[in-house]
């Protein structure tokens, strides 16, 4: 059985990354979501274990020392990390795994899993991004920090395999789904046995 693919989606806050991921999971049966661990507070509607594993800083640091994360980083003054066990178990079962992570984490995962597919989602414009963040009713300081960080994140987009503009949600989801299909069909990813049975 072929191993699954790590599919990494990164985007500035407010670009629609979470909504895109939810749509993709409903659309693709072989796709699973890698739930990230974080020290930030849950937003309204977020559930522990579904959207994130919410924890405090002491517990997060204990997990760092225990090498329980494939990667971790400090983003917007909070820790975020990808748990190692669930990711590796799903990939070994041949399942594709969707990771919604920041640009730092994406490069770390790519180094550890060179077969990873990196997709960067762009907002239609910075003004649209600002409007989306303001609609979350975040504190002014948090909003300013996320907008400032988004410029650096946009600069990292050049390191990704694909760029998708989320100016139409259905279109963006369809484009990313097509990318996943195309990547899974790459000859370099197919096991030799897939070809051998045709040649015989």
Protein backbone atom coordinates (compact mmCIF):
# COMPACT_ATOMS: atom_id res chain seq x y z
CA UNK A 1 0.00 0.00 0.00
CA UNK A 2 1.30 3.46 -0.89
CA UNK A 3 1.80 5.96 1.90
CA UNK A 4 -0.54 8.93 2.16
CA UNK A 5 0.42 12.47 1.26
CA UNK A 6 0.84 15.34 3.72
CA UNK A 7 -1.18 18.23 2.22
CA UNK A 8 -0.18 21.53 3.80
CA UNK A 9 -2.38 24.60 3.56
CA UNK A 10 -1.08 27.93 4.81
CA UNK A 11 -2.67 31.36 4.66
CA UNK A 12 -2.76 34.64 6.56
CA UNK A 13 -5.38 34.78 9.32
CA UNK A 14 -8.78 35.66 7.85
CA UNK A 15 -8.17 34.14 4.42
CA UNK A 16 -10.66 31.31 4.93
CA UNK A 17 -8.25 28.46 5.58
CA UNK A 18 -10.45 26.71 8.17
CA UNK A 19 -13.56 26.85 5.98
CA UNK A 20 -11.64 25.51 2.99
CA UNK A 21 -10.33 22.61 5.08
CA UNK A 22 -13.83 21.73 6.30
CA UNK A 23 -15.11 21.64 2.73
CA UNK A 24 -12.21 19.49 1.53
CA UNK A 25 -12.75 16.95 4.30
CA UNK A 26 -16.38 16.52 3.25
CA UNK A 27 -15.40 16.27 -0.40
CA UNK A 28 -12.53 13.78 -0.23
CA UNK A 29 -13.03 10.41 1.50
CA UNK A 30 -9.31 9.57 1.74
CA UNK A 31 -8.48 12.86 3.46
CA UNK A 32 -8.01 13.27 7.21
CA UNK A 33 -7.35 16.40 9.26
CA UNK A 34 -4.30 16.78 11.46
CA UNK A 35 -5.55 18.54 14.59
CA UNK A 36 -2.97 21.04 15.81
CA UNK A 37 -2.16 21.63 19.46
CA UNK A 38 -2.20 25.28 20.62
CA UNK A 39 -1.94 27.42 23.73
CA UNK A 40 -4.34 30.09 22.47
CA UNK A 41 -7.87 30.41 23.80
CA UNK A 42 -10.71 28.79 21.81
CA UNK A 43 -12.76 31.09 19.61
CA UNK A 44 -16.57 30.88 19.73
CA UNK A 45 -17.70 27.59 18.15
CA UNK A 46 -14.29 25.88 18.38
CA UNK A 47 -14.24 22.47 20.08
CA UNK A 48 -11.26 20.86 21.79
CA UNK A 49 -10.04 17.84 19.83
CA UNK A 50 -11.92 18.85 16.69
CA UNK A 51 -10.55 22.24 15.68
CA UNK A 52 -7.49 22.25 17.96
CA UNK A 53 -6.14 20.52 21.03
CA UNK A 54 -6.19 23.41 23.50
CA UNK A 55 -3.61 23.29 26.27
CA UNK A 56 -1.58 25.56 28.53
CA UNK A 57 2.03 26.57 28.05
CA UNK A 58 3.44 24.26 30.71
CA UNK A 59 1.83 21.19 29.12
CA UNK A 60 2.90 22.31 25.64
CA UNK A 61 6.51 22.71 26.79
CA UNK A 62 6.38 19.26 28.40
CA UNK A 63 5.33 17.82 25.02
CA UNK A 64 8.17 19.66 23.30
CA UNK A 65 10.66 18.08 25.71
CA UNK A 66 9.05 14.69 25.05
CA UNK A 67 9.51 15.12 21.26
CA UNK A 68 5.76 14.67 20.77
CA UNK A 69 5.53 17.22 17.93
CA UNK A 70 6.67 16.82 14.32
CA UNK A 71 7.03 20.60 14.36
CA UNK A 72 6.11 23.48 16.61
CA UNK A 73 6.37 27.26 16.51
CA UNK A 74 5.38 30.45 18.26
CA UNK A 75 2.80 32.27 16.12
CA UNK A 76 0.90 35.43 17.14
CA UNK A 77 2.29 35.01 20.71
CA UNK A 78 0.92 31.47 21.07
CA UNK A 79 2.47 28.03 20.64
CA UNK A 80 1.23 25.75 17.85
CA UNK A 81 2.43 22.20 17.20
CA UNK A 82 1.62 19.16 15.04
CA UNK A 83 1.33 15.94 17.10
CA UNK A 84 3.66 13.28 15.72
CA UNK A 85 1.75 10.04 16.44
CA UNK A 86 -1.58 10.64 14.64
CA UNK A 87 0.13 12.07 11.54
CA UNK A 88 2.52 9.17 11.06
CA UNK A 89 -0.15 6.54 11.76
CA UNK A 90 -2.51 7.95 9.11
CA UNK A 91 0.18 8.37 6.47
CA UNK A 92 1.28 4.77 7.05
CA UNK A 93 -2.33 3.65 6.46
CA UNK A 94 -2.30 5.32 3.03
CA UNK A 95 -4.49 8.25 4.06
CA UNK A 96 -3.78 11.78 2.86
CA UNK A 97 -3.46 14.18 5.78
CA UNK A 98 -4.49 17.84 5.65
CA UNK A 99 -2.39 20.18 7.79
CA UNK A 100 -3.50 23.80 8.22
CA UNK A 101 -0.28 25.30 9.56
CA UNK A 102 1.80 28.47 9.44
CA UNK A 103 4.63 29.16 7.02
CA UNK A 104 7.34 28.22 9.56
CA UNK A 105 5.75 24.85 10.22
CA UNK A 106 5.18 24.19 6.53
CA UNK A 107 8.90 24.37 5.75
CA UNK A 108 9.73 22.10 8.69
CA UNK A 109 7.22 19.49 7.53
CA UNK A 110 8.57 19.74 3.96
CA UNK A 111 12.09 19.00 5.20
CA UNK A 112 10.89 15.95 7.15
CA UNK A 113 8.42 14.79 4.48
CA UNK A 114 9.82 15.87 1.08
CA UNK A 115 6.75 14.40 -0.66
CA UNK A 116 4.52 17.00 1.05
CA UNK A 117 2.36 19.22 -1.15
CA UNK A 118 2.43 22.89 -0.10
CA UNK A 119 -0.53 25.09 -1.01
CA UNK A 120 -0.70 28.77 -0.10
CA UNK A 121 -4.10 30.46 -0.04
CA UNK A 122 -4.14 34.15 -0.86
CA UNK A 123 -6.84 36.70 -0.01
CA UNK A 124 -8.25 38.68 -2.95
CA UNK A 125 -6.62 41.81 -1.45
CA UNK A 126 -5.20 43.16 1.81
CA UNK A 127 -8.28 45.32 2.27
CA UNK A 128 -10.50 42.22 2.02
CA UNK A 129 -8.27 40.47 4.53
CA UNK A 130 -8.62 43.38 6.96
CA UNK A 131 -12.40 43.32 6.60
CA UNK A 132 -12.52 39.58 7.32
CA UNK A 133 -10.37 39.96 10.42
CA UNK A 134 -12.47 42.86 11.68
CA UNK A 135 -15.60 40.74 11.32
CA UNK A 136 -14.14 38.35 13.92
CA UNK A 137 -14.38 41.17 16.49
CA UNK A 138 -10.89 40.53 17.78
CA UNK A 139 -9.15 42.97 20.11
CA UNK A 140 -7.46 45.87 18.32
CA UNK A 141 -3.97 44.73 19.39
CA UNK A 142 -4.58 41.19 18.11
CA UNK A 143 -5.97 42.50 14.83
CA UNK A 144 -2.97 44.78 14.30
CA UNK A 145 -0.53 41.93 15.04
CA UNK A 146 -2.26 39.55 12.62
CA UNK A 147 -2.29 42.17 9.85
CA UNK A 148 1.39 42.93 10.41
CA UNK A 149 2.29 39.24 10.40
CA UNK A 150 0.28 38.63 7.24
CA UNK A 151 2.78 40.66 5.21
CA UNK A 152 5.60 38.33 6.22
CA UNK A 153 3.42 35.30 5.52
CA UNK A 154 2.58 36.58 2.05
CA UNK A 155 6.29 36.96 1.39
CA UNK A 156 6.79 33.27 2.16
CA UNK A 157 4.26 32.21 -0.48
CA UNK A 158 7.06 31.91 -3.04
CA UNK A 159 8.29 28.79 -1.22
CA UNK A 160 5.06 26.88 -1.89
CA UNK A 161 4.15 24.51 -4.72
CA UNK A 162 0.79 26.12 -5.49
CA UNK A 163 -0.98 29.45 -4.99
CA UNK A 164 -4.79 29.62 -4.79
CA UNK A 165 -6.71 32.89 -4.45
CA UNK A 166 -9.79 32.61 -2.26
CA UNK A 167 -12.00 35.16 -3.98
CA UNK A 168 -14.70 32.51 -4.48
CA UNK A 169 -14.90 29.74 -1.87
CA UNK A 170 -16.35 27.03 -4.14
CA UNK A 171 -13.74 27.74 -6.79
CA UNK A 172 -10.86 27.72 -4.28
CA UNK A 173 -12.01 24.39 -2.80
CA UNK A 174 -12.37 22.85 -6.28
CA UNK A 175 -8.90 24.03 -7.29
CA UNK A 176 -7.25 22.61 -4.17
CA UNK A 177 -9.13 19.31 -4.57
CA UNK A 178 -7.86 19.12 -8.16
CA UNK A 179 -4.30 19.73 -6.94
CA UNK A 180 -4.59 16.84 -4.47
CA UNK A 181 -5.92 14.53 -7.20
CA UNK A 182 -3.14 15.48 -9.62
CA UNK A 183 -0.44 15.05 -6.99
CA UNK A 184 -1.72 11.61 -5.98
CA UNK A 185 -1.49 10.49 -9.63
CA UNK A 186 2.12 11.57 -10.14
CA UNK A 187 4.12 8.68 -11.56
CA UNK A 188 6.86 9.31 -9.02
CA UNK A 189 4.37 8.62 -6.21
CA UNK A 190 2.93 5.39 -7.63
CA UNK A 191 4.32 2.13 -6.38
CA UNK A 192 6.19 0.06 -8.96
CA UNK A 193 3.74 -2.78 -8.33
CA UNK A 194 0.98 -0.59 -9.85
CA UNK A 195 2.86 -0.74 -13.16
CA UNK A 196 4.16 -4.29 -12.86
CA UNK A 197 0.74 -5.92 -12.98
CA UNK A 198 -0.01 -4.13 -16.28
CA UNK A 199 3.24 -5.19 -17.92
CA UNK A 200 2.87 -8.89 -17.12
